[in-house]
């Protein structure tokens, strides 16, 4: 009987650790997609951000531009992540003379 209880606790612990690991991986992949989306948005505007989000299996759900700063929120496999990118004014966007808007 004690062996069954120990085995049940062990299985529950393994399941809990596996579930936690899956959540951490999902959060990290959503954050990576958000980071890439913000960088693309800073360089290529909203269209570039949407392309990169889709390419990463994510959806661009929020877009904000303030000068040379782009803020995005993406959703990937049910996880949302936020990222910000600031383009160095000396480097400029892909289309010179325009902001990321």
N, C-alpha and C. Protein backbone atom coordinates (compact mmCIF):
# COMPACT_ATOMS: atom_id res chain seq x y z
N UNK A 1 0.82 -1.18 0.00
CA UNK A 1 0.00 0.00 0.00
C UNK A 1 0.87 1.26 0.00
N UNK A 2 1.93 1.25 0.79
CA UNK A 2 2.85 2.39 0.84
C UNK A 2 3.52 2.57 -0.52
N UNK A 3 3.87 1.48 -1.16
CA UNK A 3 4.50 1.54 -2.48
C UNK A 3 3.58 2.21 -3.50
N UNK A 4 2.31 1.90 -3.45
CA UNK A 4 1.33 2.50 -4.36
C UNK A 4 1.24 4.01 -4.11
N UNK A 5 1.23 4.41 -2.85
CA UNK A 5 1.16 5.83 -2.51
C UNK A 5 2.40 6.57 -2.98
N UNK A 6 3.57 5.99 -2.78
CA UNK A 6 4.83 6.60 -3.22
C UNK A 6 4.85 6.71 -4.75
N UNK A 7 4.40 5.65 -5.41
CA UNK A 7 4.35 5.67 -6.87
C UNK A 7 3.39 6.75 -7.36
N UNK A 8 2.24 6.90 -6.73
CA UNK A 8 1.27 7.92 -7.12
C UNK A 8 1.84 9.32 -6.94
N UNK A 9 2.53 9.55 -5.83
CA UNK A 9 3.14 10.85 -5.60
C UNK A 9 4.22 11.11 -6.65
N UNK A 10 4.99 10.11 -6.97
CA UNK A 10 6.05 10.25 -7.98
C UNK A 10 5.47 10.59 -9.35
N UNK A 11 4.41 9.91 -9.73
CA UNK A 11 3.76 10.18 -11.02
C UNK A 11 3.21 11.61 -11.03
N UNK A 12 2.59 12.03 -9.94
CA UNK A 12 2.04 13.38 -9.86
C UNK A 12 3.14 14.43 -9.97
N UNK A 13 4.27 14.19 -9.33
CA UNK A 13 5.39 15.12 -9.42
C UNK A 13 5.94 15.21 -10.84
N UNK A 14 6.10 14.08 -11.47
CA UNK A 14 6.61 14.06 -12.85
C UNK A 14 5.65 14.79 -13.78
N UNK A 15 4.35 14.54 -13.61
CA UNK A 15 3.35 15.21 -14.44
C UNK A 15 3.40 16.73 -14.20
N UNK A 16 3.51 17.16 -12.96
CA UNK A 16 3.57 18.58 -12.64
C UNK A 16 4.78 19.26 -13.24
N UNK A 17 5.93 18.61 -13.16
CA UNK A 17 7.16 19.17 -13.73
C UNK A 17 7.05 19.24 -15.25
N UNK A 18 6.49 18.23 -15.87
CA UNK A 18 6.32 18.23 -17.33
C UNK A 18 5.38 19.35 -17.76
N UNK A 19 4.31 19.54 -17.03
CA UNK A 19 3.35 20.61 -17.37
C UNK A 19 4.00 21.98 -17.20
N UNK A 20 4.74 22.16 -16.13
CA UNK A 20 5.44 23.42 -15.91
C UNK A 20 6.43 23.68 -17.03
N UNK A 21 7.13 22.67 -17.45
CA UNK A 21 8.08 22.81 -18.56
C UNK A 21 7.39 23.22 -19.85
N UNK A 22 6.22 22.66 -20.11
CA UNK A 22 5.47 23.02 -21.32
C UNK A 22 5.04 24.49 -21.29
N UNK A 23 4.62 24.96 -20.13
CA UNK A 23 4.20 26.35 -20.00
C UNK A 23 5.40 27.28 -20.20
N UNK A 24 6.54 26.93 -19.63
CA UNK A 24 7.74 27.75 -19.77
C UNK A 24 8.17 27.83 -21.23
N UNK A 25 8.12 26.71 -21.93
CA UNK A 25 8.49 26.68 -23.35
C UNK A 25 7.51 27.52 -24.17
N UNK A 26 6.22 27.41 -23.90
CA UNK A 26 5.22 28.20 -24.62
C UNK A 26 5.42 29.69 -24.39
N UNK A 27 5.70 30.08 -23.15
CA UNK A 27 5.96 31.49 -22.84
C UNK A 27 7.21 31.98 -23.57
N UNK A 28 8.25 31.18 -23.57
CA UNK A 28 9.50 31.58 -24.21
C UNK A 28 9.33 31.70 -25.73
N UNK A 29 8.59 30.79 -26.34
CA UNK A 29 8.41 30.88 -27.79
C UNK A 29 7.53 32.06 -28.17
N UNK A 30 6.54 32.38 -27.34
CA UNK A 30 5.72 33.57 -27.60
C UNK A 30 6.57 34.83 -27.46
N UNK A 31 7.45 34.86 -26.46
CA UNK A 31 8.32 36.03 -26.27
C UNK A 31 9.29 36.18 -27.42
N UNK A 32 9.83 35.07 -27.91
CA UNK A 32 10.75 35.14 -29.05
C UNK A 32 10.03 35.68 -30.28
N UNK A 33 8.79 35.24 -30.49
CA UNK A 33 8.01 35.75 -31.62
C UNK A 33 7.73 37.24 -31.46
N UNK A 34 7.42 37.68 -30.24
CA UNK A 34 7.17 39.10 -30.00
C UNK A 34 8.43 39.93 -30.24
N UNK A 35 9.56 39.46 -29.78
CA UNK A 35 10.82 40.17 -29.99
C UNK A 35 11.13 40.34 -31.48
N UNK A 36 11.00 39.26 -32.22
CA UNK A 36 11.27 39.31 -33.67
C UNK A 36 10.26 40.22 -34.37
N UNK A 37 9.01 40.18 -33.93
CA UNK A 37 7.97 41.00 -34.54
C UNK A 37 8.24 42.48 -34.29
N UNK A 38 8.64 42.83 -33.09
CA UNK A 38 8.94 44.24 -32.78
C UNK A 38 10.13 44.73 -33.60
N UNK A 39 11.16 43.92 -33.71
CA UNK A 39 12.32 44.32 -34.51
C UNK A 39 11.96 44.52 -35.97
N UNK A 40 11.16 43.59 -36.52
CA UNK A 40 10.72 43.73 -37.91
C UNK A 40 9.86 44.97 -38.08
N UNK A 41 9.03 45.24 -37.10
CA UNK A 41 8.18 46.42 -37.17
C UNK A 41 8.98 47.71 -37.16
N UNK A 42 10.05 47.74 -36.38
CA UNK A 42 10.89 48.93 -36.33
C UNK A 42 11.57 49.18 -37.67
N UNK A 43 11.90 48.11 -38.36
CA UNK A 43 12.60 48.24 -39.65
C UNK A 43 11.65 48.36 -40.83
N UNK A 44 10.56 47.60 -40.82
CA UNK A 44 9.71 47.49 -42.02
C UNK A 44 8.25 47.87 -41.79
N UNK A 45 7.93 48.48 -40.65
CA UNK A 45 6.56 48.90 -40.40
C UNK A 45 5.64 47.74 -40.04
N UNK A 46 4.36 48.05 -39.96
CA UNK A 46 3.37 47.07 -39.53
C UNK A 46 3.32 45.85 -40.45
N UNK A 47 3.40 46.08 -41.76
CA UNK A 47 3.33 44.94 -42.70
C UNK A 47 4.48 43.96 -42.44
N UNK A 48 5.68 44.49 -42.20
CA UNK A 48 6.81 43.62 -41.90
C UNK A 48 6.62 42.88 -40.59
N UNK A 49 6.05 43.58 -39.60
CA UNK A 49 5.79 42.95 -38.30
C UNK A 49 4.78 41.82 -38.44
N UNK A 50 3.72 42.05 -39.21
CA UNK A 50 2.71 41.00 -39.40
C UNK A 50 3.29 39.79 -40.12
N UNK A 51 4.14 40.03 -41.11
CA UNK A 51 4.79 38.92 -41.83
C UNK A 51 5.65 38.08 -40.88
N UNK A 52 6.44 38.75 -40.05
CA UNK A 52 7.33 38.03 -39.14
C UNK A 52 6.51 37.29 -38.07
N UNK A 53 5.46 37.92 -37.58
CA UNK A 53 4.60 37.24 -36.60
C UNK A 53 4.03 35.96 -37.19
N UNK A 54 3.47 36.07 -38.40
CA UNK A 54 2.92 34.87 -39.07
C UNK A 54 3.99 33.81 -39.29
N UNK A 55 5.18 34.26 -39.69
CA UNK A 55 6.28 33.33 -39.91
C UNK A 55 6.71 32.59 -38.65
N UNK A 56 6.40 33.17 -37.50
CA UNK A 56 6.72 32.54 -36.22
C UNK A 56 5.51 31.84 -35.60
N UNK A 57 4.46 31.67 -36.39
CA UNK A 57 3.27 30.99 -35.89
C UNK A 57 2.48 31.82 -34.89
N UNK A 58 2.61 33.15 -34.98
CA UNK A 58 1.94 34.04 -34.04
C UNK A 58 1.03 34.99 -34.79
N UNK A 59 0.23 35.71 -34.03
CA UNK A 59 -0.65 36.73 -34.58
C UNK A 59 -0.34 38.05 -33.89
N UNK A 60 -0.20 39.11 -34.68
CA UNK A 60 0.00 40.44 -34.13
C UNK A 60 -1.34 40.94 -33.63
N UNK A 61 -1.47 41.13 -32.31
CA UNK A 61 -2.76 41.54 -31.74
C UNK A 61 -2.76 42.98 -31.24
N UNK A 62 -1.58 43.57 -31.11
CA UNK A 62 -1.50 44.97 -30.69
C UNK A 62 -0.29 45.61 -31.34
N UNK A 63 -0.46 46.85 -31.81
CA UNK A 63 0.60 47.57 -32.51
C UNK A 63 0.57 49.02 -32.06
N UNK A 64 1.68 49.53 -31.59
CA UNK A 64 1.79 50.94 -31.20
C UNK A 64 3.12 51.49 -31.70
N UNK A 65 3.07 52.70 -32.21
CA UNK A 65 4.28 53.37 -32.68
C UNK A 65 4.34 54.74 -32.02
N UNK A 66 5.51 55.07 -31.53
CA UNK A 66 5.76 56.41 -30.98
C UNK A 66 7.14 56.84 -31.45
N UNK A 67 7.18 57.67 -32.46
CA UNK A 67 8.47 58.08 -33.02
C UNK A 67 9.20 56.88 -33.61
N UNK A 68 10.36 56.59 -33.05
CA UNK A 68 11.16 55.46 -33.53
C UNK A 68 10.96 54.20 -32.68
N UNK A 69 9.97 54.23 -31.78
CA UNK A 69 9.72 53.08 -30.90
C UNK A 69 8.47 52.33 -31.35
N UNK A 70 8.61 51.02 -31.41
CA UNK A 70 7.50 50.14 -31.78
C UNK A 70 7.22 49.21 -30.61
N UNK A 71 5.96 49.11 -30.23
CA UNK A 71 5.53 48.16 -29.19
C UNK A 71 4.51 47.22 -29.81
N UNK A 72 4.69 45.93 -29.57
CA UNK A 72 3.77 44.93 -30.11
C UNK A 72 3.35 43.96 -29.02
N UNK A 73 2.20 43.36 -29.25
CA UNK A 73 1.76 42.21 -28.47
C UNK A 73 1.39 41.15 -29.49
N UNK A 74 1.91 39.95 -29.29
CA UNK A 74 1.56 38.83 -30.17
C UNK A 74 0.93 37.72 -29.35
N UNK A 75 0.18 36.89 -30.03
CA UNK A 75 -0.40 35.71 -29.42
C UNK A 75 0.10 34.49 -30.18
N UNK A 76 0.64 33.54 -29.45
CA UNK A 76 1.16 32.31 -30.07
C UNK A 76 0.75 31.13 -29.22
N UNK A 77 -0.03 30.25 -29.78
CA UNK A 77 -0.51 29.05 -29.08
C UNK A 77 -1.14 29.40 -27.74
N UNK A 78 -1.95 30.44 -27.73
CA UNK A 78 -2.67 30.82 -26.52
C UNK A 78 -1.88 31.65 -25.53
N UNK A 79 -0.62 31.90 -25.80
CA UNK A 79 0.22 32.71 -24.91
C UNK A 79 0.41 34.08 -25.55
N UNK A 80 0.27 35.13 -24.76
CA UNK A 80 0.53 36.48 -25.25
C UNK A 80 1.87 36.97 -24.71
N UNK A 81 2.55 37.75 -25.55
CA UNK A 81 3.83 38.32 -25.14
C UNK A 81 3.95 39.72 -25.72
N UNK A 82 4.63 40.59 -24.99
CA UNK A 82 4.82 41.99 -25.38
C UNK A 82 6.30 42.24 -25.61
N UNK A 83 6.60 43.09 -26.61
CA UNK A 83 7.99 43.46 -26.87
C UNK A 83 8.05 44.88 -27.41
N UNK A 84 9.18 45.51 -27.21
CA UNK A 84 9.42 46.87 -27.69
C UNK A 84 10.75 46.89 -28.43
N UNK A 85 10.78 47.62 -29.53
CA UNK A 85 12.03 47.83 -30.27
C UNK A 85 12.15 49.32 -30.56
N UNK A 86 13.36 49.82 -30.42
CA UNK A 86 13.63 51.22 -30.72
C UNK A 86 14.69 51.25 -31.81
N UNK A 87 14.34 51.90 -32.89
CA UNK A 87 15.27 52.00 -34.02
C UNK A 87 16.20 53.18 -33.78
N UNK A 88 17.48 52.96 -33.95
CA UNK A 88 18.47 54.03 -33.82
C UNK A 88 18.27 54.99 -34.99
N UNK A 89 18.06 56.24 -34.69
CA UNK A 89 17.79 57.23 -35.73
C UNK A 89 18.93 57.32 -36.75
N UNK A 90 20.15 56.99 -36.35
CA UNK A 90 21.28 57.04 -37.28
C UNK A 90 21.21 55.93 -38.32
N UNK A 91 20.60 54.80 -37.95
CA UNK A 91 20.49 53.69 -38.88
C UNK A 91 19.29 53.86 -39.80
N UNK A 92 18.19 54.33 -39.26
CA UNK A 92 17.00 54.59 -40.05
C UNK A 92 16.31 53.32 -40.51
N UNK A 93 15.04 53.46 -40.90
CA UNK A 93 14.27 52.30 -41.37
C UNK A 93 14.70 51.89 -42.76
N UNK A 94 14.15 50.79 -43.24
CA UNK A 94 14.47 50.29 -44.58
C UNK A 94 14.12 51.32 -45.64
N UNK A 95 13.06 52.10 -45.41
CA UNK A 95 12.65 53.15 -46.33
C UNK A 95 13.10 54.49 -45.74
N UNK A 96 14.22 55.04 -46.16
CA UNK A 96 14.77 56.25 -45.54
C UNK A 96 13.75 57.39 -45.52
N UNK A 97 13.78 58.13 -44.43
CA UNK A 97 12.91 59.28 -44.29
C UNK A 97 11.54 58.97 -43.71
N UNK A 98 11.30 57.71 -43.34
CA UNK A 98 10.01 57.36 -42.75
C UNK A 98 10.22 56.75 -41.38
N UNK A 99 9.22 56.91 -40.54
CA UNK A 99 9.25 56.24 -39.24
C UNK A 99 8.60 54.88 -39.40
N UNK A 100 8.63 54.01 -38.36
CA UNK A 100 8.04 52.68 -38.46
C UNK A 100 6.53 52.69 -38.67
N UNK A 101 5.88 53.83 -38.54
CA UNK A 101 4.43 53.90 -38.71
C UNK A 101 4.10 53.46 -40.10
